[in-house]
Protein backbone atom coordinates (compact mmCIF):
# COMPACT_ATOMS: atom_id res chain seq x y z
CA MET A 1 -70.81 -92.88 -159.30
CA ARG A 2 -73.67 -95.18 -158.40
CA GLY A 3 -75.14 -96.40 -155.20
CA ASP A 4 -75.10 -100.10 -156.15
CA TYR A 5 -72.53 -101.00 -153.58
CA ARG A 6 -74.00 -100.06 -150.28
CA GLU A 7 -77.07 -98.31 -148.94
CA ASP A 8 -75.00 -95.77 -147.04
CA SER A 9 -75.32 -92.19 -148.13
CA LEU A 10 -71.58 -91.57 -147.69
CA VAL A 11 -70.54 -94.57 -149.65
CA THR A 12 -73.12 -93.78 -152.38
CA THR A 13 -71.87 -90.29 -152.72
CA ALA A 14 -68.19 -91.30 -152.70
CA GLY A 15 -68.86 -94.10 -155.11
CA PHE A 16 -66.69 -96.54 -153.21
């Protein structure tokens, strides 16, 4: 689960 996709907190937490 990393936040390398988007800078959104939700996306970062979900790992999408």
